[in-house]
Amino acid sequence: MGSLLDKAILAARQLPAEEQDEIARLVLAIVGEEAPIVSLSRDEEASLQASLGQAAVDEFATDADVAEIWRKHGF
């Protein structure tokens, strides 16, 4: 192992476990392992699952729906 990597690992071991886990996820993502970089909250996970369910049955916003959202936000 390179000396810079050794130094980084030693420094990371001094951090709280949650921060160590985040570093580990990032390293695994860089080397090609299947690990999510971002952890979702329970609400975000529920929203994502609901969206995936809608997509599975081709339930998408219409062009008019999207245009209304743009108008609502001044675009």
N, C-alpha and C. Protein backbone atom coordinates (compact mmCIF):
# COMPACT_ATOMS: atom_id res chain seq x y z
N MET A 1 0.86 -1.18 0.00
CA MET A 1 0.00 0.00 0.00
C MET A 1 0.90 1.23 0.00
N GLY A 2 0.52 2.25 -0.77
CA GLY A 2 1.30 3.47 -0.84
C GLY A 2 1.27 4.25 0.47
N SER A 3 2.30 5.02 0.71
CA SER A 3 2.37 5.74 1.98
C SER A 3 1.25 6.77 2.14
N LEU A 4 0.83 7.40 1.06
CA LEU A 4 -0.27 8.37 1.17
C LEU A 4 -1.57 7.67 1.54
N LEU A 5 -1.82 6.51 0.94
CA LEU A 5 -3.02 5.75 1.27
C LEU A 5 -2.96 5.28 2.73
N ASP A 6 -1.80 4.82 3.16
CA ASP A 6 -1.63 4.42 4.57
C ASP A 6 -1.96 5.58 5.50
N LYS A 7 -1.45 6.75 5.18
CA LYS A 7 -1.68 7.94 6.00
C LYS A 7 -3.18 8.27 6.05
N ALA A 8 -3.85 8.18 4.90
CA ALA A 8 -5.27 8.48 4.82
C ALA A 8 -6.09 7.49 5.65
N ILE A 9 -5.73 6.22 5.56
CA ILE A 9 -6.46 5.20 6.32
C ILE A 9 -6.28 5.41 7.82
N LEU A 10 -5.06 5.71 8.24
CA LEU A 10 -4.82 5.98 9.66
C LEU A 10 -5.63 7.17 10.14
N ALA A 11 -5.70 8.22 9.32
CA ALA A 11 -6.48 9.40 9.69
C ALA A 11 -7.96 9.07 9.75
N ALA A 12 -8.44 8.31 8.78
CA ALA A 12 -9.85 7.95 8.73
C ALA A 12 -10.25 7.11 9.94
N ARG A 13 -9.35 6.28 10.43
CA ARG A 13 -9.66 5.44 11.58
C ARG A 13 -9.89 6.25 12.86
N GLN A 14 -9.47 7.50 12.85
CA GLN A 14 -9.67 8.36 14.02
C GLN A 14 -11.04 9.04 14.01
N LEU A 15 -11.75 8.94 12.90
CA LEU A 15 -13.05 9.59 12.75
C LEU A 15 -14.16 8.73 13.36
N PRO A 16 -15.32 9.34 13.62
CA PRO A 16 -16.47 8.57 14.09
C PRO A 16 -16.87 7.51 13.05
N ALA A 17 -17.49 6.45 13.53
CA ALA A 17 -17.85 5.31 12.67
C ALA A 17 -18.69 5.73 11.46
N GLU A 18 -19.61 6.66 11.65
CA GLU A 18 -20.47 7.09 10.53
C GLU A 18 -19.64 7.73 9.42
N GLU A 19 -18.66 8.55 9.79
CA GLU A 19 -17.79 9.18 8.79
C GLU A 19 -16.88 8.14 8.14
N GLN A 20 -16.42 7.16 8.91
CA GLN A 20 -15.62 6.08 8.33
C GLN A 20 -16.42 5.31 7.29
N ASP A 21 -17.69 5.05 7.59
CA ASP A 21 -18.55 4.34 6.64
C ASP A 21 -18.72 5.13 5.35
N GLU A 22 -18.87 6.45 5.46
CA GLU A 22 -19.04 7.29 4.26
C GLU A 22 -17.78 7.24 3.41
N ILE A 23 -16.62 7.31 4.04
CA ILE A 23 -15.35 7.21 3.31
C ILE A 23 -15.26 5.85 2.62
N ALA A 24 -15.63 4.79 3.34
CA ALA A 24 -15.58 3.45 2.76
C ALA A 24 -16.49 3.35 1.53
N ARG A 25 -17.70 3.93 1.62
CA ARG A 25 -18.61 3.91 0.46
C ARG A 25 -17.99 4.61 -0.74
N LEU A 26 -17.37 5.75 -0.49
CA LEU A 26 -16.76 6.50 -1.58
C LEU A 26 -15.63 5.71 -2.23
N VAL A 27 -14.78 5.11 -1.41
CA VAL A 27 -13.66 4.31 -1.94
C VAL A 27 -14.19 3.14 -2.75
N LEU A 28 -15.19 2.44 -2.22
CA LEU A 28 -15.77 1.31 -2.94
C LEU A 28 -16.39 1.74 -4.26
N ALA A 29 -17.01 2.89 -4.28
CA ALA A 29 -17.60 3.40 -5.53
C ALA A 29 -16.50 3.71 -6.54
N ILE A 30 -15.40 4.27 -6.08
CA ILE A 30 -14.29 4.61 -6.98
C ILE A 30 -13.68 3.36 -7.60
N VAL A 31 -13.54 2.30 -6.82
CA VAL A 31 -12.91 1.08 -7.34
C VAL A 31 -13.90 0.15 -8.04
N GLY A 32 -15.15 0.59 -8.16
CA GLY A 32 -16.12 -0.15 -8.96
C GLY A 32 -17.02 -1.09 -8.20
N GLU A 33 -16.99 -1.09 -6.90
CA GLU A 33 -17.93 -1.91 -6.13
C GLU A 33 -19.31 -1.27 -6.18
N GLU A 34 -20.32 -2.08 -6.00
CA GLU A 34 -21.68 -1.56 -5.99
C GLU A 34 -22.01 -1.06 -4.59
N ALA A 35 -21.79 0.21 -4.36
CA ALA A 35 -22.12 0.81 -3.07
C ALA A 35 -22.68 2.20 -3.33
N PRO A 36 -23.84 2.52 -2.79
CA PRO A 36 -24.39 3.86 -3.01
C PRO A 36 -23.54 4.92 -2.33
N ILE A 37 -23.33 6.03 -3.02
CA ILE A 37 -22.56 7.13 -2.45
C ILE A 37 -23.43 7.96 -1.53
N VAL A 38 -24.69 8.06 -1.87
CA VAL A 38 -25.62 8.88 -1.09
C VAL A 38 -26.60 7.98 -0.36
N SER A 39 -26.76 8.21 0.91
CA SER A 39 -27.76 7.48 1.68
C SER A 39 -29.05 8.29 1.70
N LEU A 40 -30.16 7.62 1.46
CA LEU A 40 -31.45 8.29 1.45
C LEU A 40 -32.09 8.20 2.82
N SER A 41 -32.81 9.25 3.18
CA SER A 41 -33.61 9.21 4.40
C SER A 41 -34.81 8.29 4.15
N ARG A 42 -35.54 7.96 5.19
CA ARG A 42 -36.73 7.12 5.01
C ARG A 42 -37.75 7.79 4.10
N ASP A 43 -37.93 9.10 4.26
CA ASP A 43 -38.88 9.82 3.41
C ASP A 43 -38.42 9.83 1.96
N GLU A 44 -37.12 10.04 1.74
CA GLU A 44 -36.60 10.05 0.37
C GLU A 44 -36.72 8.67 -0.27
N GLU A 45 -36.44 7.63 0.51
CA GLU A 45 -36.56 6.26 0.00
C GLU A 45 -38.01 5.96 -0.36
N ALA A 46 -38.95 6.38 0.49
CA ALA A 46 -40.37 6.16 0.21
C ALA A 46 -40.80 6.89 -1.06
N SER A 47 -40.33 8.12 -1.22
CA SER A 47 -40.66 8.91 -2.42
C SER A 47 -40.09 8.25 -3.67
N LEU A 48 -38.86 7.77 -3.57
CA LEU A 48 -38.24 7.08 -4.71
C LEU A 48 -39.02 5.83 -5.08
N GLN A 49 -39.40 5.04 -4.09
CA GLN A 49 -40.15 3.82 -4.36
C GLN A 49 -41.51 4.13 -5.00
N ALA A 50 -42.15 5.19 -4.52
CA ALA A 50 -43.43 5.59 -5.12
C ALA A 50 -43.23 5.99 -6.58
N SER A 51 -42.18 6.74 -6.84
CA SER A 51 -41.88 7.16 -8.22
C SER A 51 -41.58 5.97 -9.12
N LEU A 52 -40.81 5.01 -8.61
CA LEU A 52 -40.51 3.81 -9.40
C LEU A 52 -41.78 3.02 -9.68
N GLY A 53 -42.68 2.97 -8.70
CA GLY A 53 -43.96 2.29 -8.91
C GLY A 53 -44.78 2.95 -10.00
N GLN A 54 -44.80 4.29 -9.99
CA GLN A 54 -45.54 5.02 -11.02
C GLN A 54 -44.91 4.78 -12.39
N ALA A 55 -43.59 4.80 -12.46
CA ALA A 55 -42.91 4.58 -13.74
C ALA A 55 -43.17 3.17 -14.27
N ALA A 56 -43.28 2.21 -13.36
CA ALA A 56 -43.52 0.82 -13.77
C ALA A 56 -44.84 0.65 -14.49
N VAL A 57 -45.80 1.52 -14.20
CA VAL A 57 -47.11 1.43 -14.86
C VAL A 57 -47.32 2.60 -15.84
N ASP A 58 -46.21 3.16 -16.30
CA ASP A 58 -46.23 4.27 -17.28
C ASP A 58 -47.06 5.45 -16.82
N GLU A 59 -46.99 5.78 -15.56
CA GLU A 59 -47.73 6.91 -14.99
C GLU A 59 -46.77 8.10 -14.88
N PHE A 60 -46.69 8.87 -15.96
CA PHE A 60 -45.78 10.01 -16.02
C PHE A 60 -46.56 11.32 -16.12
N ALA A 61 -45.90 12.41 -15.77
CA ALA A 61 -46.51 13.73 -15.92
C ALA A 61 -46.72 14.02 -17.40
N THR A 62 -47.81 14.69 -17.70
CA THR A 62 -48.07 15.10 -19.09
C THR A 62 -47.25 16.36 -19.40
N ASP A 63 -47.17 16.70 -20.67
CA ASP A 63 -46.49 17.93 -21.06
C ASP A 63 -47.14 19.14 -20.40
N ALA A 64 -48.47 19.10 -20.29
CA ALA A 64 -49.19 20.20 -19.64
C ALA A 64 -48.84 20.30 -18.16
N ASP A 65 -48.71 19.16 -17.49
CA ASP A 65 -48.31 19.15 -16.08
C ASP A 65 -46.93 19.79 -15.90
N VAL A 66 -46.00 19.41 -16.76
CA VAL A 66 -44.63 19.94 -16.68
C VAL A 66 -44.62 21.43 -16.97
N ALA A 67 -45.38 21.86 -17.98
CA ALA A 67 -45.45 23.28 -18.32
C ALA A 67 -46.01 24.09 -17.14
N GLU A 68 -46.99 23.54 -16.45
CA GLU A 68 -47.57 24.23 -15.29
C GLU A 68 -46.55 24.38 -14.17
N ILE A 69 -45.76 23.37 -13.95
CA ILE A 69 -44.70 23.46 -12.93
C ILE A 69 -43.72 24.57 -13.30
N TRP A 70 -43.32 24.61 -14.57
CA TRP A 70 -42.39 25.68 -15.01
C TRP A 70 -43.01 27.05 -14.79
N ARG A 71 -44.28 27.20 -15.16
CA ARG A 71 -44.97 28.49 -14.97
C ARG A 71 -45.02 28.86 -13.49
N LYS A 72 -45.35 27.89 -12.67
CA LYS A 72 -45.45 28.12 -11.23
C LYS A 72 -44.16 28.67 -10.64
N HIS A 73 -43.04 28.26 -11.20
CA HIS A 73 -41.73 28.68 -10.68
C HIS A 73 -41.10 29.79 -11.52
N GLY A 74 -41.90 30.42 -12.37
CA GLY A 74 -41.45 31.59 -13.10
C GLY A 74 -40.58 31.33 -14.32
N PHE A 75 -40.73 30.18 -14.91
CA PHE A 75 -39.93 29.88 -16.11
C PHE A 75 -40.80 29.76 -17.32
